[in-house]
PDB file of N, CA and C in Angstrom:
ATOM      1  N   MET A   1       7.357  10.774 -24.108  1.00  0.00           N
ATOM      2  CA  MET A   1       7.599  10.366 -22.701  1.00  0.00           C
ATOM      3  C   MET A   1       7.776  11.556 -21.794  1.00  0.00           C
ATOM      4  N   ILE A   2       8.804  12.317 -22.168  1.00  0.00           N
ATOM      5  CA  ILE A   2       9.226  13.389 -21.320  1.00  0.00           C
ATOM      6  C   ILE A   2       9.050  14.593 -22.145  1.00  0.00           C
ATOM      7  N   THR A   3       8.452  15.556 -21.432  1.00  0.00           N
ATOM      8  CA  THR A   3       8.163  16.941 -22.190  1.00  0.00           C
ATOM      9  C   THR A   3       9.162  17.980 -21.648  1.00  0.00           C
ATOM     10  N   SER A   4       9.394  17.921 -20.391  1.00  0.00           N
ATOM     11  CA  SER A   4      10.120  18.887 -19.790  1.00  0.00           C
ATOM     12  C   SER A   4      10.743  18.401 -18.549  1.00  0.00           C
ATOM     13  N   PRO A   5      11.949  17.963 -18.692  1.00  0.00           N
ATOM     14  CA  PRO A   5      12.683  17.495 -17.425  1.00  0.00           C
ATOM     15  C   PRO A   5      13.005  18.595 -16.569  1.00  0.00           C
ATOM     16  N   PRO A   6      13.115  18.353 -15.312  1.00  0.00           N
ATOM     17  CA  PRO A   6      13.349  19.462 -14.249  1.00  0.00           C
ATOM     18  C   PRO A   6      14.728  20.080 -14.483  1.00  0.00           C
ATOM     19  N   TYR A   7      14.712  21.367 -14.232  1.00  0.00           N
ATOM     20  CA  TYR A   7      15.982  22.076 -14.189  1.00  0.00           C
ATOM     21  C   TYR A   7      16.870  21.644 -13.041  1.00  0.00           C
ATOM     22  N   PHE A   8      18.101  21.778 -13.179  1.00  0.00           N
ATOM     23  CA  PHE A   8      19.074  21.442 -12.164  1.00  0.00           C
ATOM     24  C   PHE A   8      18.998  22.356 -10.981  1.00  0.00           C
ATOM     25  N   ASN A   9      18.793  21.962  -9.807  1.00  0.00           N
ATOM     26  CA  ASN A   9      18.709  22.719  -8.574  1.00  0.00           C
ATOM     27  C   ASN A   9      17.937  23.823  -8.584  1.00  0.00           C
ATOM     28  N   GLN A  10      16.800  23.896  -9.166  1.00  0.00           N
ATOM     29  CA  GLN A  10      15.813  25.043  -9.204  1.00  0.00           C
ATOM     30  C   GLN A  10      14.566  24.841  -8.253  1.00  0.00           C
ATOM     31  N   ARG A  11      14.206  23.643  -8.233  1.00  0.00           N
ATOM     32  CA  ARG A  11      12.951  23.418  -7.448  1.00  0.00           C
ATOM     33  C   ARG A  11      13.012  22.156  -6.678  1.00  0.00           C
ATOM     34  N   GLU A  12      12.288  22.179  -5.509  1.00  0.00           N
ATOM     35  CA  GLU A  12      12.117  20.904  -4.695  1.00  0.00           C
ATOM     36  C   GLU A  12      10.759  20.334  -4.957  1.00  0.00           C
ATOM     37  N   TYR A  13      10.563  19.202  -5.514  1.00  0.00           N
ATOM     38  CA  TYR A  13       9.365  18.726  -5.840  1.00  0.00           C
ATOM     39  C   TYR A  13       8.756  17.802  -4.784  1.00  0.00           C
ATOM     40  N   GLY A  14       9.424  17.771  -3.647  1.00  0.00           N
ATOM     41  CA  GLY A  14       8.843  16.928  -2.432  1.00  0.00           C
ATOM     42  C   GLY A  14       9.287  15.531  -2.328  1.00  0.00           C
ATOM     43  N   ALA A  15      10.052  15.063  -3.317  1.00  0.00           N
ATOM     44  CA  ALA A  15      10.570  13.694  -3.303  1.00  0.00           C
ATOM     45  C   ALA A  15      12.013  13.780  -3.289  1.00  0.00           C
ATOM     46  N   PRO A  16      12.614  13.318  -2.126  1.00  0.00           N
ATOM     47  CA  PRO A  16      14.061  13.533  -1.975  1.00  0.00           C
ATOM     48  C   PRO A  16      14.817  12.557  -3.055  1.00  0.00           C
ATOM     49  N   GLY A  17      15.801  13.072  -3.553  1.00  0.00           N
ATOM     50  CA  GLY A  17      16.674  12.335  -4.463  1.00  0.00           C
ATOM     51  C   GLY A  17      16.181  12.258  -5.920  1.00  0.00           C
ATOM     52  N   GLY A  18      15.105  13.108  -6.280  1.00  0.00           N
ATOM     53  CA  GLY A  18      14.560  13.237  -7.429  1.00  0.00           C
ATOM     54  C   GLY A  18      15.483  14.002  -8.540  1.00  0.00           C
ATOM     55  N   VAL A  19      15.257  13.585  -9.850  1.00  0.00           N
ATOM     56  CA  VAL A  19      15.981  14.375 -10.923  1.00  0.00           C
ATOM     57  C   VAL A  19      15.852  15.796 -10.723  1.00  0.00           C
ATOM     58  N   GLY A  20      17.001  16.478 -10.901  1.00  0.00           N
ATOM     59  CA  GLY A  20      17.075  17.938 -10.564  1.00  0.00           C
ATOM     60  C   GLY A  20      17.527  18.391  -9.250  1.00  0.00           C
ATOM     61  N   ASN A  21      17.598  17.403  -8.406  1.00  0.00           N
ATOM     62  CA  ASN A  21      18.155  17.693  -6.989  1.00  0.00           C
ATOM     63  C   ASN A  21      19.485  17.076  -6.726  1.00  0.00           C
ATOM     64  N   GLU A  22      20.184  16.788  -7.716  1.00  0.00           N
ATOM     65  CA  GLU A  22      21.539  16.047  -7.629  1.00  0.00           C
ATOM     66  C   GLU A  22      22.514  17.082  -6.910  1.00  0.00           C
ATOM     67  N   GLU A  23      23.637  16.526  -6.346  1.00  0.00           N
ATOM     68  CA  GLU A  23      24.652  17.451  -5.840  1.00  0.00           C
ATOM     69  C   GLU A  23      25.420  18.252  -6.607  1.00  0.00           C
ATOM     70  N   THR A  24      25.657  17.638  -7.958  1.00  0.00           N
ATOM     71  CA  THR A  24      26.525  18.372  -8.939  1.00  0.00           C
ATOM     72  C   THR A  24      25.877  18.409 -10.296  1.00  0.00           C
ATOM     73  N   LEU A  25      26.260  19.378 -11.121  1.00  0.00           N
ATOM     74  CA  LEU A  25      25.627  19.394 -12.465  1.00  0.00           C
ATOM     75  C   LEU A  25      26.008  18.054 -13.291  1.00  0.00           C
ATOM     76  N   ALA A  26      27.342  17.626 -13.086  1.00  0.00           N
ATOM     77  CA  ALA A  26      27.847  16.397 -13.747  1.00  0.00           C
ATOM     78  C   ALA A  26      26.899  15.248 -13.368  1.00  0.00           C
ATOM     79  N   VAL A  27      26.459  14.988 -12.165  1.00  0.00           N
ATOM     80  CA  VAL A  27      25.661  13.942 -11.886  1.00  0.00           C
ATOM     81  C   VAL A  27      24.220  14.106 -12.452  1.00  0.00           C
ATOM     82  N   TYR A  28      23.737  15.373 -12.406  1.00  0.00           N
ATOM     83  CA  TYR A  28      22.398  15.692 -12.977  1.00  0.00           C
ATOM     84  C   TYR A  28      22.463  15.218 -14.513  1.00  0.00           C
ATOM     85  N   LEU A  29      23.370  15.697 -15.226  1.00  0.00           N
ATOM     86  CA  LEU A  29      23.556  15.469 -16.678  1.00  0.00           C
ATOM     87  C   LEU A  29      23.661  13.905 -16.954  1.00  0.00           C
ATOM     88  N   ASP A  30      24.410  13.132 -16.061  1.00  0.00           N
ATOM     89  CA  ASP A  30      24.603  11.721 -16.199  1.00  0.00           C
ATOM     90  C   ASP A  30      23.240  11.026 -15.974  1.00  0.00           C
ATOM     91  N   ASN A  31      22.555  11.522 -14.967  1.00  0.00           N
ATOM     92  CA  ASN A  31      21.106  10.887 -14.720  1.00  0.00           C
ATOM     93  C   ASN A  31      20.220  11.205 -15.937  1.00  0.00           C
ATOM     94  N   LEU A  32      20.330  12.381 -16.556  1.00  0.00           N
ATOM     95  CA  LEU A  32      19.409  12.646 -17.586  1.00  0.00           C
ATOM     96  C   LEU A  32      19.689  11.760 -18.862  1.00  0.00           C
ATOM     97  N   LEU A  33      21.084  11.701 -19.080  1.00  0.00           N
ATOM     98  CA  LEU A  33      21.463  10.791 -20.184  1.00  0.00           C
ATOM     99  C   LEU A  33      21.091   9.302 -20.051  1.00  0.00           C
ATOM    100  N   ARG A  34      21.298   8.851 -18.803  1.00  0.00           N
ATOM    101  CA  ARG A  34      20.919   7.454 -18.510  1.00  0.00           C
ATOM    102  C   ARG A  34      19.148   7.445 -18.761  1.00  0.00           C
ATOM    103  N   LEU A  35      18.419   8.306 -18.337  1.00  0.00           N
ATOM    104  CA  LEU A  35      17.054   8.321 -18.376  1.00  0.00           C
ATOM    105  C   LEU A  35      16.569   8.384 -19.924  1.00  0.00           C
ATOM    106  N   PHE A  36      17.060   9.215 -20.699  1.00  0.00           N
ATOM    107  CA  PHE A  36      16.828   9.259 -22.128  1.00  0.00           C
ATOM    108  C   PHE A  36      17.307   8.170 -22.853  1.00  0.00           C
ATOM    109  N   ALA A  37      18.475   7.473 -22.334  1.00  0.00           N
ATOM    110  CA  ALA A  37      18.893   6.259 -23.117  1.00  0.00           C
ATOM    111  C   ALA A  37      17.840   5.151 -22.836  1.00  0.00           C
ATOM    112  N   GLU A  38      17.362   5.105 -21.701  1.00  0.00           N
ATOM    113  CA  GLU A  38      16.311   3.998 -21.409  1.00  0.00           C
ATOM    114  C   GLU A  38      14.984   4.366 -22.183  1.00  0.00           C
ATOM    115  N   CYS A  39      14.578   5.565 -22.356  1.00  0.00           N
ATOM    116  CA  CYS A  39      13.483   5.939 -23.200  1.00  0.00           C
ATOM    117  C   CYS A  39      13.689   5.391 -24.573  1.00  0.00           C
ATOM    118  N   VAL A  40      14.783   5.722 -25.100  1.00  0.00           N
ATOM    119  CA  VAL A  40      15.161   5.177 -26.606  1.00  0.00           C
ATOM    120  C   VAL A  40      15.109   3.794 -26.625  1.00  0.00           C
ATOM    121  N   ARG A  41      15.751   3.067 -25.666  1.00  0.00           N
ATOM    122  CA  ARG A  41      15.693   1.532 -25.591  1.00  0.00           C
ATOM    123  C   ARG A  41      14.231   1.044 -25.639  1.00  0.00           C
ATOM    124  N   TYR A  42      13.448   1.712 -24.751  1.00  0.00           N
ATOM    125  CA  TYR A  42      12.040   1.238 -24.591  1.00  0.00           C
ATOM    126  C   TYR A  42      11.163   1.430 -25.896  1.00  0.00           C
ATOM    127  N   CYS A  43      11.392   2.598 -26.451  1.00  0.00           N
ATOM    128  CA  CYS A  43      10.575   2.953 -27.659  1.00  0.00           C
ATOM    129  C   CYS A  43      11.038   2.172 -28.827  1.00  0.00           C
ATOM    130  N   GLY A  44      12.290   1.719 -28.887  1.00  0.00           N
ATOM    131  CA  GLY A  44      12.781   0.876 -29.912  1.00  0.00           C
ATOM    132  C   GLY A  44      12.078  -0.395 -30.022  1.00  0.00           C
ATOM    133  N   ARG A  45      11.325  -0.952 -29.051  1.00  0.00           N
ATOM    134  CA  ARG A  45      10.595  -2.108 -29.214  1.00  0.00           C
ATOM    135  C   ARG A  45       9.551  -1.950 -30.330  1.00  0.00           C
ATOM    136  N   TRP A  46       9.031  -0.906 -30.462  1.00  0.00           N
ATOM    137  CA  TRP A  46       7.969  -0.510 -31.417  1.00  0.00           C
ATOM    138  C   TRP A  46       8.463   0.301 -32.663  1.00  0.00           C
ATOM    139  N   LYS A  47       9.712   0.311 -32.754  1.00  0.00           N
ATOM    140  CA  LYS A  47      10.297   0.942 -33.849  1.00  0.00           C
ATOM    141  C   LYS A  47      10.031   2.492 -34.024  1.00  0.00           C
ATOM    142  N   HIS A  48       9.783   3.051 -32.881  1.00  0.00           N
ATOM    143  CA  HIS A  48       9.544   4.520 -32.840  1.00  0.00           C
ATOM    144  C   HIS A  48      10.902   5.198 -33.038  1.00  0.00           C
ATOM    145  N   ARG A  49      10.902   6.437 -33.559  1.00  0.00           N
ATOM    146  CA  ARG A  49      11.973   7.245 -33.657  1.00  0.00           C
ATOM    147  C   ARG A  49      11.789   8.496 -32.936  1.00  0.00           C
ATOM    148  N   LEU A  50      12.964   9.058 -32.502  1.00  0.00           N
ATOM    149  CA  LEU A  50      12.882  10.426 -31.967  1.00  0.00           C
ATOM    150  C   LEU A  50      13.088  11.494 -33.020  1.00  0.00           C
ATOM    151  N   GLU A  51      12.272  12.370 -33.270  1.00  0.00           N
ATOM    152  CA  GLU A  51      12.420  13.331 -34.340  1.00  0.00           C
ATOM    153  C   GLU A  51      12.210  14.753 -33.853  1.00  0.00           C
ATOM    154  N   TYR A  52      12.929  15.777 -34.486  1.00  0.00           N
ATOM    155  CA  TYR A  52      12.574  17.068 -34.160  1.00  0.00           C
ATOM    156  C   TYR A  52      12.628  17.758 -35.502  1.00  0.00           C
ATOM    157  N   ARG A  53      11.565  18.405 -35.840  1.00  0.00           N
ATOM    158  CA  ARG A  53      11.368  19.185 -37.092  1.00  0.00           C
ATOM    159  C   ARG A  53      11.017  20.590 -36.791  1.00  0.00           C
ATOM    160  N   ARG A  54      11.591  21.495 -37.519  1.00  0.00           N
ATOM    161  CA  ARG A  54      11.228  22.859 -37.420  1.00  0.00           C
ATOM    162  C   ARG A  54      10.097  23.272 -38.326  1.00  0.00           C
TER     163      ARG A  54
END
């Protein structure tokens, strides 16, 4: 679903209030955690798993 979330405070993508443009690093990380938790919840409907293999 997400291949590369935006870096914190590095670029302005033209949409105010987007991920990466938060006021603090703590708020940015909280937003990312909520976003990924929602992705996991959504994928769970089809029993998909998140995996990382080297």
